[in-house]
C-alpha cells in the first residue's frame, strides 16, 4: 500500500512538472509583434519618359510610421493626406484646373512605390506635360515635391 501511495505522489508531481513546462512553452511560443506600427515607407518619383533615358528626374522618400520622416519636403502633411485618402492615391488628383496649359505632348510620369500600412503599393500616373501635372497635383501635399 505504501508503495502505491509513493508511486501516486511521484506520478502527480511529474504531471504537475510536465503541465507547468507545457504552459511555459506555450507562453514562449507566442511571437510578439516586431513593432506596434504597420510599415509605411514609400519612394515617389517624377520622370520624363521618352527622352534619352527614362530615369527619375526627382525622387523622394517618405516613411509614415511611427513618425513622418524622409526626404519629402513636407513629410507630416504628406502622411496626414495619405491617411485621409486611406492610401487611395487617385483620390489625391485634383480635377479643378488652375491655369490653361498648352496642348503639347511632353509626358511626365509620377510613381509611388513601397509599402503603405503593411500592404505593397505601386501607383503610376502619366500627365500630358508638366503644366498639366502641376495643375493636377498643386493641392496635394503628397504629390507636390
C-alpha atoms as a PDB file:
ATOM      1  CA  UNK A   1       0.000   0.000   0.000  1.00  0.00           C
ATOM      2  CA  UNK A   2       2.823   2.296   0.929  1.00  0.00           C
ATOM      3  CA  UNK A   3       4.481   1.714  -2.472  1.00  0.00           C
ATOM      4  CA  UNK A   4       1.264   2.553  -4.290  1.00  0.00           C
ATOM      5  CA  UNK A   5       0.904   5.820  -2.338  1.00  0.00           C
ATOM      6  CA  UNK A   6       4.527   6.783  -3.035  1.00  0.00           C
ATOM      7  CA  UNK A   7       4.030   5.976  -6.740  1.00  0.00           C
ATOM      8  CA  UNK A   8       0.824   8.068  -6.868  1.00  0.00           C
ATOM      9  CA  UNK A   9       2.574  11.067  -5.274  1.00  0.00           C
ATOM     10  CA  UNK A  10       5.514  10.762  -7.653  1.00  0.00           C
ATOM     11  CA  UNK A  11       3.178  10.475 -10.666  1.00  0.00           C
ATOM     12  CA  UNK A  12       1.173  13.524  -9.542  1.00  0.00           C
ATOM     13  CA  UNK A  13       4.368  15.551  -9.132  1.00  0.00           C
ATOM     14  CA  UNK A  14       5.544  14.508 -12.604  1.00  0.00           C
ATOM     15  CA  UNK A  15       2.237  15.531 -14.161  1.00  0.00           C
ATOM     16  CA  UNK A  16       2.491  18.923 -12.418  1.00  0.00           C
ATOM     17  CA  UNK A  17       6.023  19.477 -13.729  1.00  0.00           C
ATOM     18  CA  UNK A  18       5.057  18.428 -17.271  1.00  0.00           C
ATOM     19  CA  UNK A  19       1.963  20.670 -17.170  1.00  0.00           C
ATOM     20  CA  UNK A  20       3.993  23.648 -15.974  1.00  0.00           C
ATOM     21  CA  UNK A  21       6.614  23.019 -18.669  1.00  0.00           C
ATOM     22  CA  UNK A  22       3.952  22.848 -21.383  1.00  0.00           C
ATOM     23  CA  UNK A  23       2.341  26.046 -20.110  1.00  0.00           C
ATOM     24  CA  UNK A  24       5.710  27.822 -20.156  1.00  0.00           C
ATOM     25  CA  UNK A  25       6.432  26.520 -23.649  1.00  0.00           C
ATOM     26  CA  UNK A  26       3.115  27.824 -24.953  1.00  0.00           C
ATOM     27  CA  UNK A  27       3.841  31.254 -23.493  1.00  0.00           C
ATOM     28  CA  UNK A  28       7.283  31.442 -25.098  1.00  0.00           C
ATOM     29  CA  UNK A  29       5.990  30.065 -28.414  1.00  0.00           C
ATOM     30  CA  UNK A  30       3.702  33.079 -28.880  1.00  0.00           C
ATOM     31  CA  UNK A  31       5.584  35.597 -31.009  1.00  0.00           C
ATOM     32  CA  UNK A  32       5.443  39.228 -30.027  1.00  0.00           C
ATOM     33  CA  UNK A  33       4.909  41.758 -32.841  1.00  0.00           C
ATOM     34  CA  UNK A  34       8.090  43.366 -34.144  1.00  0.00           C
ATOM     35  CA  UNK A  35       6.518  46.816 -33.966  1.00  0.00           C
ATOM     36  CA  UNK A  36       3.305  48.496 -32.895  1.00  0.00           C
ATOM     37  CA  UNK A  37       3.014  50.115 -36.329  1.00  0.00           C
ATOM     38  CA  UNK A  38       2.438  48.577 -39.739  1.00  0.00           C
ATOM     39  CA  UNK A  39       5.327  49.538 -42.029  1.00  0.00           C
ATOM     40  CA  UNK A  40       4.781  52.542 -44.286  1.00  0.00           C
ATOM     41  CA  UNK A  41       7.732  53.503 -46.474  1.00  0.00           C
ATOM     42  CA  UNK A  42       7.371  54.942 -49.972  1.00  0.00           C
ATOM     43  CA  UNK A  43       9.544  56.201 -52.809  1.00  0.00           C
ATOM     44  CA  UNK A  44       7.977  58.903 -55.002  1.00  0.00           C
ATOM     45  CA  UNK A  45       9.462  59.782 -58.397  1.00  0.00           C
ATOM     46  CA  UNK A  46       8.868  62.157 -61.291  1.00  0.00           C
ATOM     47  CA  UNK A  47      10.280  61.145 -64.666  1.00  0.00           C
ATOM     48  CA  UNK A  48      10.122  62.325 -68.248  1.00  0.00           C
ATOM     49  CA  UNK A  49       9.741  59.161 -70.326  1.00  0.00           C
ATOM     50  CA  UNK A  50      10.714  59.089 -73.961  1.00  0.00           C
ATOM     51  CA  UNK A  51      13.885  61.142 -73.634  1.00  0.00           C
ATOM     52  CA  UNK A  52      17.369  59.756 -73.934  1.00  0.00           C
ATOM     53  CA  UNK A  53      16.874  57.972 -70.599  1.00  0.00           C
ATOM     54  CA  UNK A  54      13.768  57.095 -68.613  1.00  0.00           C
ATOM     55  CA  UNK A  55      15.394  57.689 -65.256  1.00  0.00           C
ATOM     56  CA  UNK A  56      13.738  59.663 -62.490  1.00  0.00           C
ATOM     57  CA  UNK A  57      14.304  63.407 -62.641  1.00  0.00           C
ATOM     58  CA  UNK A  58      13.279  63.758 -58.970  1.00  0.00           C
ATOM     59  CA  UNK A  59      12.860  61.211 -56.221  1.00  0.00           C
ATOM     60  CA  UNK A  60      11.934  61.494 -52.545  1.00  0.00           C
ATOM     61  CA  UNK A  61      11.361  59.032 -49.721  1.00  0.00           C
ATOM     62  CA  UNK A  62       8.535  59.076 -47.207  1.00  0.00           C
ATOM     63  CA  UNK A  63       8.043  56.998 -44.070  1.00  0.00           C
ATOM     64  CA  UNK A  64       4.878  57.486 -42.035  1.00  0.00           C
ATOM     65  CA  UNK A  65       5.233  55.102 -39.087  1.00  0.00           C
ATOM     66  CA  UNK A  66       5.949  55.629 -36.290  1.00  0.00           C
ATOM     67  CA  UNK A  67       6.624  59.250 -37.281  1.00  0.00           C
ATOM     68  CA  UNK A  68       6.672  61.194 -40.542  1.00  0.00           C
ATOM     69  CA  UNK A  69      10.219  61.256 -41.930  1.00  0.00           C
ATOM     70  CA  UNK A  70      12.092  61.096 -45.207  1.00  0.00           C
ATOM     71  CA  UNK A  71      13.420  63.407 -47.891  1.00  0.00           C
ATOM     72  CA  UNK A  72       9.912  64.572 -48.858  1.00  0.00           C
ATOM     73  CA  UNK A  73       9.683  68.377 -48.351  1.00  0.00           C
ATOM     74  CA  UNK A  74       6.539  68.076 -46.142  1.00  0.00           C
ATOM     75  CA  UNK A  75       6.513  64.572 -44.636  1.00  0.00           C
ATOM     76  CA  UNK A  76       3.956  65.271 -41.874  1.00  0.00           C
ATOM     77  CA  UNK A  77       1.433  66.850 -44.269  1.00  0.00           C
ATOM     78  CA  UNK A  78       2.022  64.122 -46.885  1.00  0.00           C
ATOM     79  CA  UNK A  79       1.436  61.325 -44.342  1.00  0.00           C
ATOM     80  CA  UNK A  80      -1.690  63.037 -42.998  1.00  0.00           C
ATOM     81  CA  UNK A  81      -3.051  63.400 -46.530  1.00  0.00           C
ATOM     82  CA  UNK A  82      -2.280  59.763 -47.309  1.00  0.00           C
ATOM     83  CA  UNK A  83      -4.085  58.636 -44.135  1.00  0.00           C
ATOM     84  CA  UNK A  84      -7.111  60.783 -45.010  1.00  0.00           C
ATOM     85  CA  UNK A  85      -7.195  59.258 -48.510  1.00  0.00           C
ATOM     86  CA  UNK A  86      -6.832  55.784 -46.947  1.00  0.00           C
ATOM     87  CA  UNK A  87      -3.954  55.092 -49.356  1.00  0.00           C
ATOM     88  CA  UNK A  88      -6.082  55.678 -52.500  1.00  0.00           C
ATOM     89  CA  UNK A  89      -3.668  57.829 -54.488  1.00  0.00           C
ATOM     90  CA  UNK A  90      -6.041  58.580 -57.391  1.00  0.00           C
ATOM     91  CA  UNK A  91      -8.253  60.488 -54.954  1.00  0.00           C
ATOM     92  CA  UNK A  92      -5.404  62.992 -54.438  1.00  0.00           C
ATOM     93  CA  UNK A  93      -5.516  64.153 -58.057  1.00  0.00           C
ATOM     94  CA  UNK A  94      -7.423  67.418 -58.441  1.00  0.00           C
ATOM     95  CA  UNK A  95      -9.875  67.803 -61.300  1.00  0.00           C
ATOM     96  CA  UNK A  96     -10.106  71.590 -60.974  1.00  0.00           C
ATOM     97  CA  UNK A  97      -7.867  73.325 -63.475  1.00  0.00           C
ATOM     98  CA  UNK A  98      -5.635  76.051 -62.060  1.00  0.00           C
ATOM     99  CA  UNK A  99      -4.487  77.604 -65.322  1.00  0.00           C
ATOM    100  CA  UNK A 100      -4.632  76.911 -69.032  1.00  0.00           C
ATOM    101  CA  UNK A 101      -1.950  74.607 -70.413  1.00  0.00           C
ATOM    102  CA  UNK A 102      -0.658  74.317 -73.954  1.00  0.00           C
ATOM    103  CA  UNK A 103      -1.727  71.182 -75.809  1.00  0.00           C
ATOM    104  CA  UNK A 104       1.837  69.895 -76.098  1.00  0.00           C
ATOM    105  CA  UNK A 105       2.605  66.192 -75.620  1.00  0.00           C
ATOM    106  CA  UNK A 106       5.650  66.059 -73.379  1.00  0.00           C
ATOM    107  CA  UNK A 107       4.726  63.316 -70.881  1.00  0.00           C
ATOM    108  CA  UNK A 108       5.587  63.414 -67.200  1.00  0.00           C
ATOM    109  CA  UNK A 109       5.135  60.294 -65.064  1.00  0.00           C
ATOM    110  CA  UNK A 110       4.701  60.270 -61.293  1.00  0.00           C
ATOM    111  CA  UNK A 111       5.152  56.981 -59.418  1.00  0.00           C
ATOM    112  CA  UNK A 112       4.688  55.900 -55.825  1.00  0.00           C
ATOM    113  CA  UNK A 113       6.172  52.542 -54.821  1.00  0.00           C
ATOM    114  CA  UNK A 114       6.648  50.890 -51.468  1.00  0.00           C
ATOM    115  CA  UNK A 115       4.553  49.751 -48.525  1.00  0.00           C
ATOM    116  CA  UNK A 116       1.562  51.598 -47.083  1.00  0.00           C
ATOM    117  CA  UNK A 117       0.289  50.328 -43.698  1.00  0.00           C
ATOM    118  CA  UNK A 118       1.781  46.896 -44.303  1.00  0.00           C
ATOM    119  CA  UNK A 119       0.444  46.469 -47.858  1.00  0.00           C
ATOM    120  CA  UNK A 120       2.567  46.621 -51.021  1.00  0.00           C
ATOM    121  CA  UNK A 121       1.680  49.710 -53.064  1.00  0.00           C
ATOM    122  CA  UNK A 122       2.558  50.602 -56.636  1.00  0.00           C
ATOM    123  CA  UNK A 123       0.918  53.586 -58.353  1.00  0.00           C
ATOM    124  CA  UNK A 124       1.735  55.365 -61.604  1.00  0.00           C
ATOM    125  CA  UNK A 125       0.127  58.302 -63.396  1.00  0.00           C
ATOM    126  CA  UNK A 126       1.279  59.934 -66.634  1.00  0.00           C
ATOM    127  CA  UNK A 127       0.366  63.535 -67.389  1.00  0.00           C
ATOM    128  CA  UNK A 128       0.428  65.113 -70.862  1.00  0.00           C
ATOM    129  CA  UNK A 129       3.013  67.704 -69.769  1.00  0.00           C
ATOM    130  CA  UNK A 130       4.479  69.492 -66.743  1.00  0.00           C
ATOM    131  CA  UNK A 131       1.782  72.184 -66.759  1.00  0.00           C
ATOM    132  CA  UNK A 132      -0.993  69.579 -66.548  1.00  0.00           C
ATOM    133  CA  UNK A 133       0.858  67.762 -63.776  1.00  0.00           C
ATOM    134  CA  UNK A 134       1.299  70.965 -61.758  1.00  0.00           C
ATOM    135  CA  UNK A 135      -2.402  71.840 -62.151  1.00  0.00           C
ATOM    136  CA  UNK A 136      -3.478  68.374 -61.060  1.00  0.00           C
ATOM    137  CA  UNK A 137      -1.197  67.909 -58.044  1.00  0.00           C
ATOM    138  CA  UNK A 138      -0.938  71.501 -56.771  1.00  0.00           C
ATOM    139  CA  UNK A 139      -3.421  70.840 -53.943  1.00  0.00           C
ATOM    140  CA  UNK A 140      -1.726  67.609 -52.899  1.00  0.00           C
ATOM    141  CA  UNK A 141       0.942  67.726 -50.194  1.00  0.00           C
ATOM    142  CA  UNK A 142       1.995  64.194 -51.052  1.00  0.00           C
ATOM    143  CA  UNK A 143       2.459  64.682 -54.801  1.00  0.00           C
ATOM    144  CA  UNK A 144       3.903  68.208 -54.656  1.00  0.00           C
ATOM    145  CA  UNK A 145       7.579  67.507 -54.307  1.00  0.00           C
END
